[in-house]
Amino acid sequence: KVNVQEMLSLVATCVQFCSDKVSITWHMFEEIRSDKNDKVIWYKDPKLSAKIKTKLTTSGIAVDANKLQPCSKYRIRIEGDVGKGLPGLAEYSFITDCPPEGGTCTVDRSHGIAMETEFGFSCQGWTDEDFPLRYEFLIQEDGDYKLILHEGQDSFKRIYLPAGDSANNFTLVVLLRVYDTFKAYNETKVTLQVTEIAYCLISLNNIEIRFFTCCCQWHG
């Protein structure tokens, strides 16, 4: 099986009647089933060049990530001609993996205090034929992933979180991912508000005393 979320690379090698002037062309076909009689049709992709990082006329092909459909059947064909009426072809057939489905990922609260409130993350009800499932909880920042909070086969985890973005009302985005053995995954995004720990700073006889509390007053 092929994970559509990763790049697929193939290399063809000429083994007989080879020359420096061999011409090469790549093609890709997807299996389509007719709704009327369930007849199998291999549909040739007319936009293959937009889905690959290589050229259609080189000895290798690299299909970019997230360009193929999950749960589908494909054929990649290379056609070559060394001249003198000696054409040849080779095909690679494969199935794309289906990511886990049918479940939910949740968190037991929507707001709390950094490194003080314990958040419970849970993923339940996911199914996939490619076991075992693996779970990964990450913090997202500026579209990238800053910190892995949890990784493993435990679907439930209690975690203390850092403070969210102070410029955005202390917003913290956590991604909850469920993987199968081929690393295909389904993702749930939860948005939380995690504020900083409040404290009071008091100067007493030139000594600064910091009280970590939600509120305090000083009379003197």
N, C-alpha and C. Protein backbone atom coordinates (compact mmCIF):
# COMPACT_ATOMS: atom_id res chain seq x y z
N LYS A 1 0.84 -1.20 0.00
CA LYS A 1 0.00 0.00 0.00
C LYS A 1 0.87 1.25 0.00
N VAL A 2 0.32 2.30 -0.57
CA VAL A 2 1.02 3.57 -0.68
C VAL A 2 0.28 4.62 0.15
N ASN A 3 1.01 5.36 0.96
CA ASN A 3 0.45 6.45 1.74
C ASN A 3 0.40 7.70 0.88
N VAL A 4 -0.79 8.22 0.60
CA VAL A 4 -0.91 9.37 -0.29
C VAL A 4 -0.36 10.65 0.33
N GLN A 5 -0.13 10.64 1.64
CA GLN A 5 0.41 11.82 2.32
C GLN A 5 1.93 11.88 2.23
N GLU A 6 2.53 10.92 1.53
CA GLU A 6 3.97 10.91 1.31
C GLU A 6 4.26 10.85 -0.19
N MET A 7 5.46 11.28 -0.57
CA MET A 7 5.85 11.24 -1.97
C MET A 7 6.10 9.80 -2.41
N LEU A 8 5.72 9.49 -3.65
CA LEU A 8 5.96 8.19 -4.25
C LEU A 8 7.00 8.34 -5.35
N SER A 9 8.12 7.61 -5.25
CA SER A 9 9.19 7.71 -6.23
C SER A 9 9.44 6.37 -6.88
N LEU A 10 9.59 6.36 -8.22
CA LEU A 10 9.89 5.17 -9.00
C LEU A 10 11.02 5.48 -9.97
N VAL A 11 11.85 4.47 -10.22
CA VAL A 11 12.94 4.61 -11.18
C VAL A 11 12.90 3.42 -12.12
N ALA A 12 12.99 3.68 -13.44
CA ALA A 12 12.99 2.63 -14.46
C ALA A 12 14.41 2.44 -15.00
N THR A 13 14.76 1.19 -15.28
CA THR A 13 16.08 0.86 -15.81
C THR A 13 15.93 0.04 -17.08
N CYS A 14 16.62 0.42 -18.12
CA CYS A 14 16.63 -0.34 -19.37
C CYS A 14 17.57 -1.53 -19.21
N VAL A 15 17.09 -2.74 -19.56
CA VAL A 15 17.89 -3.95 -19.35
C VAL A 15 18.25 -4.66 -20.65
N GLN A 16 17.69 -4.24 -21.77
CA GLN A 16 17.97 -4.94 -23.03
C GLN A 16 17.80 -3.99 -24.21
N PHE A 17 18.67 -4.09 -25.20
CA PHE A 17 18.65 -3.24 -26.40
C PHE A 17 18.68 -1.76 -26.03
N CYS A 18 19.50 -1.42 -25.05
CA CYS A 18 19.55 -0.04 -24.56
C CYS A 18 20.45 0.83 -25.42
N SER A 19 20.18 2.12 -25.42
CA SER A 19 21.02 3.08 -26.12
C SER A 19 20.89 4.43 -25.43
N ASP A 20 21.75 5.35 -25.80
CA ASP A 20 21.71 6.69 -25.22
C ASP A 20 20.56 7.53 -25.77
N LYS A 21 19.91 7.05 -26.80
CA LYS A 21 18.86 7.81 -27.46
C LYS A 21 17.46 7.29 -27.13
N VAL A 22 17.33 6.56 -26.04
CA VAL A 22 16.03 6.03 -25.68
C VAL A 22 15.07 7.17 -25.31
N SER A 23 13.86 7.11 -25.79
CA SER A 23 12.83 8.11 -25.46
C SER A 23 11.87 7.50 -24.44
N ILE A 24 11.48 8.30 -23.46
CA ILE A 24 10.69 7.81 -22.33
C ILE A 24 9.46 8.70 -22.14
N THR A 25 8.33 8.07 -21.79
CA THR A 25 7.12 8.80 -21.43
C THR A 25 6.41 8.06 -20.29
N TRP A 26 6.01 8.81 -19.26
CA TRP A 26 5.29 8.24 -18.12
C TRP A 26 3.79 8.51 -18.26
N HIS A 27 2.98 7.55 -17.79
CA HIS A 27 1.52 7.70 -17.76
C HIS A 27 1.01 7.15 -16.43
N MET A 28 -0.14 7.64 -16.00
CA MET A 28 -0.77 7.11 -14.79
C MET A 28 -2.25 6.88 -15.03
N PHE A 29 -2.75 5.74 -14.53
CA PHE A 29 -4.14 5.36 -14.70
C PHE A 29 -4.76 5.09 -13.33
N GLU A 30 -6.02 5.50 -13.17
CA GLU A 30 -6.77 5.23 -11.94
C GLU A 30 -7.96 4.35 -12.25
N GLU A 31 -8.21 3.36 -11.38
CA GLU A 31 -9.35 2.46 -11.58
C GLU A 31 -10.64 3.17 -11.23
N ILE A 32 -11.55 3.19 -12.20
CA ILE A 32 -12.88 3.77 -12.01
C ILE A 32 -13.91 2.68 -12.28
N ARG A 33 -14.87 2.52 -11.39
CA ARG A 33 -15.92 1.51 -11.57
C ARG A 33 -17.21 2.16 -12.03
N SER A 34 -17.79 1.61 -13.06
CA SER A 34 -19.04 2.14 -13.60
C SER A 34 -20.19 1.86 -12.63
N ASP A 35 -21.05 2.85 -12.45
CA ASP A 35 -22.20 2.69 -11.55
C ASP A 35 -23.25 1.73 -12.12
N LYS A 36 -23.30 1.60 -13.45
CA LYS A 36 -24.34 0.80 -14.07
C LYS A 36 -24.09 -0.70 -13.95
N ASN A 37 -22.90 -1.14 -14.33
CA ASN A 37 -22.63 -2.59 -14.33
C ASN A 37 -21.38 -2.96 -13.56
N ASP A 38 -20.86 -2.03 -12.79
CA ASP A 38 -19.65 -2.26 -11.99
C ASP A 38 -18.46 -2.64 -12.86
N LYS A 39 -18.45 -2.16 -14.08
CA LYS A 39 -17.35 -2.44 -14.98
C LYS A 39 -16.14 -1.61 -14.61
N VAL A 40 -14.96 -2.22 -14.66
CA VAL A 40 -13.73 -1.53 -14.31
C VAL A 40 -13.19 -0.77 -15.52
N ILE A 41 -12.91 0.50 -15.32
CA ILE A 41 -12.33 1.35 -16.36
C ILE A 41 -11.05 1.96 -15.82
N TRP A 42 -9.97 1.85 -16.59
CA TRP A 42 -8.71 2.47 -16.19
C TRP A 42 -8.61 3.83 -16.87
N TYR A 43 -8.80 4.88 -16.05
CA TYR A 43 -8.85 6.25 -16.57
C TYR A 43 -7.44 6.84 -16.59
N LYS A 44 -7.03 7.28 -17.76
CA LYS A 44 -5.70 7.89 -17.91
C LYS A 44 -5.74 9.33 -17.41
N ASP A 45 -4.82 9.66 -16.51
CA ASP A 45 -4.77 11.00 -15.91
C ASP A 45 -4.16 11.98 -16.90
N PRO A 46 -4.94 12.96 -17.39
CA PRO A 46 -4.40 13.92 -18.36
C PRO A 46 -3.57 15.02 -17.71
N LYS A 47 -3.58 15.10 -16.40
CA LYS A 47 -2.87 16.17 -15.69
C LYS A 47 -1.74 15.61 -14.82
N LEU A 48 -1.13 14.53 -15.27
CA LEU A 48 -0.07 13.90 -14.49
C LEU A 48 1.10 14.86 -14.26
N SER A 49 1.44 15.65 -15.25
CA SER A 49 2.60 16.54 -15.12
C SER A 49 2.46 17.52 -13.97
N ALA A 50 1.21 17.86 -13.59
CA ALA A 50 0.98 18.79 -12.49
C ALA A 50 1.07 18.11 -11.12
N LYS A 51 1.15 16.79 -11.12
CA LYS A 51 1.17 16.04 -9.87
C LYS A 51 2.56 15.49 -9.52
N ILE A 52 3.52 15.72 -10.39
CA ILE A 52 4.84 15.15 -10.17
C ILE A 52 5.89 16.25 -10.07
N LYS A 53 7.00 15.92 -9.40
CA LYS A 53 8.12 16.85 -9.26
C LYS A 53 9.16 16.66 -10.35
N THR A 54 9.01 15.62 -11.14
CA THR A 54 9.95 15.31 -12.21
C THR A 54 9.30 15.59 -13.55
N LYS A 55 10.05 15.33 -14.63
CA LYS A 55 9.51 15.47 -15.97
C LYS A 55 8.97 14.13 -16.46
N LEU A 56 8.06 14.17 -17.41
CA LEU A 56 7.47 12.95 -17.95
C LEU A 56 8.44 12.17 -18.83
N THR A 57 9.58 12.76 -19.15
CA THR A 57 10.51 12.14 -20.10
C THR A 57 11.82 11.70 -19.45
N THR A 58 11.87 11.65 -18.11
CA THR A 58 13.09 11.21 -17.42
C THR A 58 12.92 9.76 -16.96
N SER A 59 14.02 9.15 -16.53
CA SER A 59 13.97 7.74 -16.14
C SER A 59 13.33 7.51 -14.78
N GLY A 60 13.11 8.57 -14.03
CA GLY A 60 12.46 8.46 -12.73
C GLY A 60 11.24 9.35 -12.65
N ILE A 61 10.33 8.99 -11.74
CA ILE A 61 9.12 9.79 -11.53
C ILE A 61 8.90 9.92 -10.04
N ALA A 62 8.49 11.11 -9.61
CA ALA A 62 8.21 11.38 -8.20
C ALA A 62 6.84 12.05 -8.10
N VAL A 63 5.85 11.29 -7.64
CA VAL A 63 4.50 11.83 -7.46
C VAL A 63 4.45 12.55 -6.12
N ASP A 64 4.05 13.80 -6.14
CA ASP A 64 4.06 14.63 -4.95
C ASP A 64 3.04 14.13 -3.92
N ALA A 65 3.28 14.47 -2.67
CA ALA A 65 2.37 14.09 -1.59
C ALA A 65 1.01 14.75 -1.77
N ASN A 66 -0.04 14.03 -1.37
CA ASN A 66 -1.42 14.52 -1.38
C ASN A 66 -1.94 14.82 -2.79
N LYS A 67 -1.41 14.14 -3.80
CA LYS A 67 -1.90 14.28 -5.17
C LYS A 67 -2.75 13.08 -5.60
N LEU A 68 -2.65 11.97 -4.88
CA LEU A 68 -3.44 10.78 -5.19
C LEU A 68 -4.62 10.68 -4.23
N GLN A 69 -5.62 9.93 -4.63
CA GLN A 69 -6.79 9.72 -3.79
C GLN A 69 -6.59 8.51 -2.88
N PRO A 70 -6.97 8.60 -1.60
CA PRO A 70 -6.88 7.41 -0.74
C PRO A 70 -7.89 6.35 -1.15
N CYS A 71 -7.64 5.11 -0.73
CA CYS A 71 -8.56 3.99 -0.97
C CYS A 71 -8.81 3.77 -2.46
N SER A 72 -7.77 3.92 -3.28
CA SER A 72 -7.92 3.81 -4.72
C SER A 72 -6.85 2.89 -5.31
N LYS A 73 -7.08 2.46 -6.57
CA LYS A 73 -6.12 1.62 -7.28
C LYS A 73 -5.53 2.41 -8.45
N TYR A 74 -4.21 2.29 -8.62
CA TYR A 74 -3.52 3.03 -9.67
C TYR A 74 -2.56 2.12 -10.43
N ARG A 75 -2.24 2.55 -11.64
CA ARG A 75 -1.16 1.96 -12.43
C ARG A 75 -0.29 3.10 -12.95
N ILE A 76 1.01 2.98 -12.75
CA ILE A 76 1.94 3.92 -13.36
C ILE A 76 2.70 3.16 -14.44
N ARG A 77 2.68 3.69 -15.65
CA ARG A 77 3.28 3.01 -16.80
C ARG A 77 4.39 3.87 -17.40
N ILE A 78 5.48 3.23 -17.75
CA ILE A 78 6.53 3.90 -18.50
C ILE A 78 6.65 3.24 -19.86
N GLU A 79 6.65 4.07 -20.89
CA GLU A 79 6.80 3.59 -22.26
C GLU A 79 8.13 4.11 -22.79
N GLY A 80 8.92 3.20 -23.34
CA GLY A 80 10.22 3.58 -23.87
C GLY A 80 10.42 3.10 -25.29
N ASP A 81 11.28 3.80 -26.00
CA ASP A 81 11.58 3.45 -27.38
C ASP A 81 13.05 3.72 -27.63
N VAL A 82 13.79 2.65 -27.97
CA VAL A 82 15.22 2.79 -28.23
C VAL A 82 15.49 2.98 -29.72
N GLY A 83 14.42 3.10 -30.50
CA GLY A 83 14.56 3.25 -31.94
C GLY A 83 14.57 1.92 -32.64
N LYS A 84 14.62 1.94 -33.95
CA LYS A 84 14.68 0.73 -34.77
C LYS A 84 13.48 -0.18 -34.53
N GLY A 85 12.34 0.44 -34.18
CA GLY A 85 11.13 -0.35 -33.99
C GLY A 85 11.16 -1.25 -32.78
N LEU A 86 11.81 -0.83 -31.70
CA LEU A 86 11.92 -1.63 -30.49
C LEU A 86 11.32 -0.89 -29.29
N PRO A 87 9.99 -0.75 -29.27
CA PRO A 87 9.34 -0.11 -28.12
C PRO A 87 9.24 -1.08 -26.95
N GLY A 88 9.04 -0.54 -25.77
CA GLY A 88 8.86 -1.37 -24.58
C GLY A 88 8.07 -0.62 -23.53
N LEU A 89 7.56 -1.34 -22.56
CA LEU A 89 6.83 -0.70 -21.48
C LEU A 89 6.94 -1.54 -20.21
N ALA A 90 6.69 -0.87 -19.08
CA ALA A 90 6.64 -1.53 -17.78
C ALA A 90 5.58 -0.82 -16.95
N GLU A 91 4.94 -1.56 -16.04
CA GLU A 91 3.89 -0.99 -15.21
C GLU A 91 4.12 -1.32 -13.74
N TYR A 92 3.68 -0.39 -12.91
CA TYR A 92 3.68 -0.60 -11.45
C TYR A 92 2.27 -0.36 -10.95
N SER A 93 1.64 -1.40 -10.40
CA SER A 93 0.28 -1.30 -9.88
C SER A 93 0.32 -1.23 -8.36
N PHE A 94 -0.56 -0.41 -7.79
CA PHE A 94 -0.56 -0.28 -6.33
C PHE A 94 -1.92 0.21 -5.85
N ILE A 95 -2.13 0.04 -4.55
CA ILE A 95 -3.34 0.51 -3.87
C ILE A 95 -2.94 1.59 -2.89
N THR A 96 -3.70 2.67 -2.82
CA THR A 96 -3.42 3.71 -1.84
C THR A 96 -4.15 3.40 -0.53
N ASP A 97 -3.47 3.70 0.55
CA ASP A 97 -3.97 3.38 1.88
C ASP A 97 -5.16 4.25 2.27
N CYS A 98 -6.06 3.67 3.05
CA CYS A 98 -7.18 4.42 3.63
C CYS A 98 -6.79 4.85 5.05
N PRO A 99 -6.93 6.12 5.40
CA PRO A 99 -6.62 6.55 6.77
C PRO A 99 -7.67 6.03 7.75
N PRO A 100 -7.36 6.01 9.03
CA PRO A 100 -8.35 5.60 10.04
C PRO A 100 -9.62 6.45 9.92
N GLU A 101 -10.76 5.84 10.23
CA GLU A 101 -12.03 6.55 10.08
C GLU A 101 -13.02 6.14 11.16
N GLY A 102 -14.11 6.92 11.25
CA GLY A 102 -15.24 6.57 12.10
C GLY A 102 -15.14 6.97 13.55
N GLY A 103 -14.06 7.60 13.97
CA GLY A 103 -13.89 7.93 15.38
C GLY A 103 -13.94 9.42 15.66
N THR A 104 -13.67 9.76 16.90
CA THR A 104 -13.63 11.16 17.33
C THR A 104 -12.43 11.38 18.24
N CYS A 105 -11.94 12.60 18.25
CA CYS A 105 -10.91 13.02 19.19
C CYS A 105 -11.41 14.27 19.91
N THR A 106 -11.33 14.27 21.24
CA THR A 106 -11.89 15.36 22.03
C THR A 106 -10.94 15.74 23.16
N VAL A 107 -11.24 16.87 23.79
CA VAL A 107 -10.53 17.32 24.99
C VAL A 107 -11.59 17.66 26.03
N ASP A 108 -11.28 17.42 27.30
CA ASP A 108 -12.30 17.52 28.34
C ASP A 108 -12.54 18.94 28.85
N ARG A 109 -11.78 19.92 28.38
CA ARG A 109 -12.01 21.31 28.77
C ARG A 109 -11.49 22.22 27.67
N SER A 110 -11.99 23.44 27.63
CA SER A 110 -11.61 24.36 26.57
C SER A 110 -10.67 25.46 27.02
N HIS A 111 -10.49 25.63 28.33
CA HIS A 111 -9.59 26.67 28.81
C HIS A 111 -8.97 26.24 30.13
N GLY A 112 -7.85 26.88 30.46
CA GLY A 112 -7.17 26.57 31.70
C GLY A 112 -5.95 27.46 31.87
N ILE A 113 -5.13 27.12 32.87
CA ILE A 113 -3.95 27.89 33.21
C ILE A 113 -2.71 27.08 32.86
N ALA A 114 -1.72 27.74 32.28
CA ALA A 114 -0.50 27.07 31.82
C ALA A 114 0.20 26.33 32.96
N MET A 115 0.56 25.07 32.69
CA MET A 115 1.31 24.21 33.60
C MET A 115 0.63 24.01 34.96
N GLU A 116 -0.65 24.33 35.01
CA GLU A 116 -1.41 24.16 36.24
C GLU A 116 -2.66 23.34 36.01
N THR A 117 -3.35 23.61 34.89
CA THR A 117 -4.56 22.86 34.53
C THR A 117 -4.17 21.62 33.73
N GLU A 118 -4.75 20.49 34.08
CA GLU A 118 -4.50 19.25 33.36
C GLU A 118 -5.60 19.03 32.33
N PHE A 119 -5.20 18.93 31.06
CA PHE A 119 -6.15 18.72 29.97
C PHE A 119 -6.16 17.23 29.60
N GLY A 120 -7.36 16.67 29.47
CA GLY A 120 -7.49 15.27 29.09
C GLY A 120 -7.86 15.12 27.62
N PHE A 121 -6.94 14.55 26.82
CA PHE A 121 -7.17 14.34 25.39
C PHE A 121 -7.50 12.87 25.15
N SER A 122 -8.52 12.64 24.32
CA SER A 122 -8.99 11.27 24.09
C SER A 122 -9.39 11.07 22.64
N CYS A 123 -9.00 9.93 22.07
CA CYS A 123 -9.43 9.52 20.73
C CYS A 123 -10.09 8.16 20.83
N GLN A 124 -11.33 8.05 20.38
CA GLN A 124 -12.10 6.83 20.54
C GLN A 124 -12.84 6.47 19.25
N GLY A 125 -13.05 5.16 19.05
CA GLY A 125 -13.92 4.68 17.98
C GLY A 125 -13.31 4.62 16.60
N TRP A 126 -11.98 4.77 16.48
CA TRP A 126 -11.35 4.75 15.16
C TRP A 126 -11.14 3.32 14.68
N THR A 127 -11.37 3.11 13.39
CA THR A 127 -11.19 1.78 12.81
C THR A 127 -10.28 1.86 11.59
N ASP A 128 -9.54 0.80 11.37
CA ASP A 128 -8.64 0.71 10.21
C ASP A 128 -8.18 -0.75 10.12
N GLU A 129 -8.03 -1.26 8.91
CA GLU A 129 -7.60 -2.65 8.74
C GLU A 129 -6.10 -2.83 8.98
N ASP A 130 -5.38 -1.73 9.05
CA ASP A 130 -3.93 -1.79 9.22
C ASP A 130 -3.56 -1.39 10.65
N PHE A 131 -3.70 -2.35 11.56
CA PHE A 131 -3.39 -2.13 12.97
C PHE A 131 -1.92 -2.43 13.23
N PRO A 132 -1.37 -1.94 14.37
CA PRO A 132 -2.04 -1.16 15.41
C PRO A 132 -2.11 0.32 15.07
N LEU A 133 -3.08 0.99 15.69
CA LEU A 133 -3.20 2.44 15.51
C LEU A 133 -2.23 3.15 16.46
N ARG A 134 -1.78 4.31 16.03
CA ARG A 134 -0.86 5.11 16.84
C ARG A 134 -1.41 6.53 16.93
N TYR A 135 -1.20 7.15 18.08
CA TYR A 135 -1.78 8.47 18.34
C TYR A 135 -0.67 9.49 18.59
N GLU A 136 -0.91 10.70 18.07
CA GLU A 136 0.08 11.77 18.21
C GLU A 136 -0.66 13.07 18.47
N PHE A 137 -0.27 13.75 19.54
CA PHE A 137 -0.87 15.04 19.90
C PHE A 137 0.22 16.11 19.80
N LEU A 138 -0.04 17.16 19.01
CA LEU A 138 0.96 18.18 18.74
C LEU A 138 0.40 19.58 18.96
N ILE A 139 1.29 20.52 19.30
CA ILE A 139 0.92 21.93 19.36
C ILE A 139 1.22 22.57 18.02
N GLN A 140 0.24 23.30 17.49
CA GLN A 140 0.44 24.01 16.23
C GLN A 140 0.71 25.48 16.51
N GLU A 141 1.71 26.04 15.80
CA GLU A 141 2.03 27.46 15.94
C GLU A 141 2.43 28.02 14.59
N ASP A 142 1.73 29.05 14.13
CA ASP A 142 2.00 29.69 12.84
C ASP A 142 1.98 28.69 11.69
N GLY A 143 1.05 27.74 11.73
CA GLY A 143 0.92 26.76 10.67
C GLY A 143 1.91 25.62 10.74
N ASP A 144 2.84 25.66 11.70
CA ASP A 144 3.84 24.61 11.83
C ASP A 144 3.59 23.88 13.15
N TYR A 145 4.40 22.85 13.41
CA TYR A 145 4.21 22.04 14.60
C TYR A 145 5.38 22.27 15.54
N LYS A 146 5.09 22.80 16.69
CA LYS A 146 6.12 23.25 17.62
C LYS A 146 6.58 22.16 18.57
N LEU A 147 5.65 21.39 19.09
CA LEU A 147 5.98 20.46 20.17
C LEU A 147 5.08 19.22 20.11
N ILE A 148 5.69 18.04 20.20
CA ILE A 148 4.92 16.80 20.31
C ILE A 148 4.60 16.56 21.78
N LEU A 149 3.33 16.55 22.10
CA LEU A 149 2.89 16.36 23.48
C LEU A 149 2.80 14.89 23.85
N HIS A 150 2.42 14.05 22.86
CA HIS A 150 2.24 12.62 23.13
C HIS A 150 2.38 11.86 21.83
N GLU A 151 3.00 10.69 21.90
CA GLU A 151 3.15 9.83 20.73
C GLU A 151 3.20 8.38 21.20
N GLY A 152 2.30 7.55 20.68
CA GLY A 152 2.28 6.15 21.07
C GLY A 152 0.91 5.53 20.84
N GLN A 153 0.70 4.35 21.43
CA GLN A 153 -0.55 3.62 21.22
C GLN A 153 -1.62 3.93 22.26
N ASP A 154 -1.32 4.78 23.23
CA ASP A 154 -2.32 5.19 24.21
C ASP A 154 -3.23 6.23 23.58
N SER A 155 -4.53 5.96 23.60
CA SER A 155 -5.48 6.87 22.97
C SER A 155 -5.99 7.95 23.92
N PHE A 156 -5.59 7.87 25.18
CA PHE A 156 -6.00 8.88 26.18
C PHE A 156 -4.77 9.35 26.93
N LYS A 157 -4.68 10.67 27.13
CA LYS A 157 -3.53 11.22 27.83
C LYS A 157 -3.91 12.53 28.51
N ARG A 158 -3.47 12.66 29.78
CA ARG A 158 -3.64 13.93 30.49
C ARG A 158 -2.33 14.70 30.41
N ILE A 159 -2.43 15.98 30.04
CA ILE A 159 -1.24 16.75 29.72
C ILE A 159 -1.37 18.17 30.27
N TYR A 160 -0.25 18.68 30.85
CA TYR A 160 -0.15 20.09 31.21
C TYR A 160 0.36 20.85 29.98
N LEU A 161 -0.26 21.97 29.68
CA LEU A 161 0.07 22.71 28.46
C LEU A 161 0.77 24.03 28.77
N PRO A 162 1.59 24.51 27.83
CA PRO A 162 2.16 25.85 27.96
C PRO A 162 1.11 26.90 27.64
N ALA A 163 1.43 28.14 27.91
CA ALA A 163 0.50 29.23 27.63
C ALA A 163 0.30 29.41 26.13
N GLY A 164 -0.88 29.86 25.76
CA GLY A 164 -1.17 30.13 24.36
C GLY A 164 -0.60 31.47 23.93
N ASP A 165 -0.96 31.89 22.74
CA ASP A 165 -0.45 33.13 22.15
C ASP A 165 -1.08 34.33 22.86
N SER A 166 -0.26 35.09 23.58
CA SER A 166 -0.78 36.23 24.35
C SER A 166 -1.35 37.31 23.45
N ALA A 167 -0.87 37.37 22.19
CA ALA A 167 -1.38 38.37 21.25
C ALA A 167 -2.71 37.95 20.63
N ASN A 168 -3.12 36.71 20.89
CA ASN A 168 -4.37 36.19 20.33
C ASN A 168 -5.22 35.56 21.42
N ASN A 169 -5.38 36.31 22.52
CA ASN A 169 -6.24 35.88 23.62
C ASN A 169 -5.81 34.53 24.19
N PHE A 170 -4.48 34.28 24.20
CA PHE A 170 -3.89 33.05 24.74
C PHE A 170 -4.43 31.79 24.05
N THR A 171 -4.63 31.90 22.73
CA THR A 171 -5.12 30.77 21.96
C THR A 171 -4.01 29.75 21.73
N LEU A 172 -4.35 28.49 21.91
CA LEU A 172 -3.41 27.39 21.67
C LEU A 172 -4.12 26.34 20.83
N VAL A 173 -3.53 25.98 19.68
CA VAL A 173 -4.12 24.98 18.79
C VAL A 173 -3.38 23.65 18.96
N VAL A 174 -4.14 22.60 19.23
CA VAL A 174 -3.58 21.26 19.39
C VAL A 174 -4.15 20.36 18.30
N LEU A 175 -3.26 19.62 17.64
CA LEU A 175 -3.66 18.68 16.61
C LEU A 175 -3.64 17.27 17.18
N LEU A 176 -4.73 16.54 17.00
CA LEU A 176 -4.86 15.17 17.47
C LEU A 176 -4.90 14.26 16.25
N ARG A 177 -3.86 13.45 16.07
CA ARG A 177 -3.74 12.61 14.88
C ARG A 177 -3.81 11.13 15.24
N VAL A 178 -4.49 10.38 14.36
CA VAL A 178 -4.60 8.93 14.49
C VAL A 178 -3.96 8.30 13.26
N TYR A 179 -2.91 7.48 13.44
CA TYR A 179 -2.16 6.88 12.35
C TYR A 179 -2.43 5.38 12.26
N ASP A 180 -2.36 4.82 11.03
CA ASP A 180 -2.30 3.37 10.89
C ASP A 180 -0.84 2.97 10.65
N THR A 181 -0.60 1.70 10.36
CA THR A 181 0.78 1.22 10.22
C THR A 181 1.49 1.77 8.99
N PHE A 182 0.73 2.26 8.00
CA PHE A 182 1.34 2.85 6.81
C PHE A 182 1.49 4.36 6.94
N LYS A 183 1.26 4.89 8.14
CA LYS A 183 1.41 6.31 8.48
C LYS A 183 0.36 7.21 7.84
N ALA A 184 -0.70 6.63 7.29
CA ALA A 184 -1.84 7.44 6.87
C ALA A 184 -2.58 7.88 8.13
N TYR A 185 -3.03 9.14 8.17
CA TYR A 185 -3.62 9.62 9.41
C TYR A 185 -4.86 10.47 9.16
N ASN A 186 -5.67 10.55 10.20
CA ASN A 186 -6.81 11.45 10.26
C ASN A 186 -6.52 12.45 11.37
N GLU A 187 -6.93 13.69 11.16
CA GLU A 187 -6.53 14.76 12.08
C GLU A 187 -7.72 15.53 12.59
N THR A 188 -7.71 15.81 13.89
CA THR A 188 -8.71 16.67 14.52
C THR A 188 -7.99 17.85 15.15
N LYS A 189 -8.52 19.05 14.91
CA LYS A 189 -7.90 20.26 15.46
C LYS A 189 -8.79 20.82 16.57
N VAL A 190 -8.21 21.06 17.74
CA VAL A 190 -8.94 21.67 18.85
C VAL A 190 -8.27 22.99 19.22
N THR A 191 -9.08 23.99 19.48
CA THR A 191 -8.59 25.32 19.84
C THR A 191 -8.90 25.57 21.32
N LEU A 192 -7.86 25.87 22.08
CA LEU A 192 -7.98 26.06 23.52
C LEU A 192 -7.53 27.46 23.91
N GLN A 193 -7.93 27.86 25.12
CA GLN A 193 -7.41 29.09 25.71
C GLN A 193 -6.63 28.72 26.96
N VAL A 194 -5.32 28.93 26.90
CA VAL A 194 -4.45 28.58 28.03
C VAL A 194 -3.72 29.85 28.45
N THR A 195 -4.13 30.40 29.59
CA THR A 195 -3.56 31.67 30.06
C THR A 195 -2.32 31.43 30.90
N GLU A 196 -1.53 32.49 31.04
CA GLU A 196 -0.34 32.41 31.87
C GLU A 196 -0.73 32.41 33.35
N ILE A 197 0.18 31.91 34.19
CA ILE A 197 -0.03 31.95 35.63
C ILE A 197 0.10 33.40 36.10
N ALA A 198 -0.93 33.91 36.78
CA ALA A 198 -0.90 35.28 37.29
C ALA A 198 -0.06 35.34 38.56
N TYR A 199 0.62 36.44 38.76
CA TYR A 199 1.41 36.58 39.98
C TYR A 199 1.44 38.04 40.40
N CYS A 200 1.75 38.25 41.67
CA CYS A 200 1.93 39.58 42.20
C CYS A 200 3.39 39.75 42.58
N LEU A 201 3.93 40.91 42.30
CA LEU A 201 5.33 41.22 42.60
C LEU A 201 5.35 42.29 43.67
N ILE A 202 5.89 41.95 44.83
CA ILE A 202 5.89 42.85 45.98
C ILE A 202 7.32 43.10 46.41
N SER A 203 7.64 44.35 46.66
CA SER A 203 8.97 44.71 47.13
C SER A 203 8.92 44.93 48.63
N LEU A 204 9.68 44.16 49.37
CA LEU A 204 9.69 44.26 50.82
C LEU A 204 11.14 44.32 51.28
N ASN A 205 11.53 45.50 51.78
CA ASN A 205 12.92 45.70 52.23
C ASN A 205 13.90 45.38 51.12
N ASN A 206 13.59 45.95 49.93
CA ASN A 206 14.43 45.78 48.75
C ASN A 206 14.53 44.33 48.28
N ILE A 207 13.64 43.47 48.74
CA ILE A 207 13.60 42.07 48.29
C ILE A 207 12.30 41.86 47.54
N GLU A 208 12.42 41.40 46.31
CA GLU A 208 11.22 41.16 45.51
C GLU A 208 10.64 39.79 45.85
N ILE A 209 9.35 39.76 46.17
CA ILE A 209 8.65 38.52 46.48
C ILE A 209 7.57 38.31 45.44
N ARG A 210 7.60 37.17 44.79
CA ARG A 210 6.64 36.89 43.73
C ARG A 210 5.65 35.83 44.21
N PHE A 211 4.35 36.18 44.20
CA PHE A 211 3.28 35.28 44.62
C PHE A 211 2.56 34.77 43.37
N PHE A 212 2.60 33.47 43.14
CA PHE A 212 1.86 32.89 42.01
C PHE A 212 0.45 32.58 42.47
N THR A 213 -0.50 33.38 42.03
CA THR A 213 -1.88 33.24 42.45
C THR A 213 -2.77 33.88 41.41
N CYS A 214 -4.04 33.63 41.52
CA CYS A 214 -4.95 34.22 40.54
C CYS A 214 -5.26 35.68 40.87
N CYS A 215 -5.15 36.03 42.11
CA CYS A 215 -5.42 37.41 42.50
C CYS A 215 -4.82 37.66 43.87
N CYS A 216 -4.40 38.90 44.15
CA CYS A 216 -3.87 39.22 45.47
C CYS A 216 -3.95 40.73 45.69
N GLN A 217 -3.94 41.14 46.93
CA GLN A 217 -3.96 42.55 47.27
C GLN A 217 -2.89 42.81 48.32
N TRP A 218 -2.35 43.99 48.31
CA TRP A 218 -1.31 44.33 49.27
C TRP A 218 -1.74 45.63 49.97
N HIS A 219 -1.80 45.55 51.25
CA HIS A 219 -2.15 46.73 52.05
C HIS A 219 -0.96 47.10 52.92
N GLY A 220 -0.61 48.32 52.94
CA GLY A 220 0.52 48.69 53.78
C GLY A 220 0.69 50.20 53.79
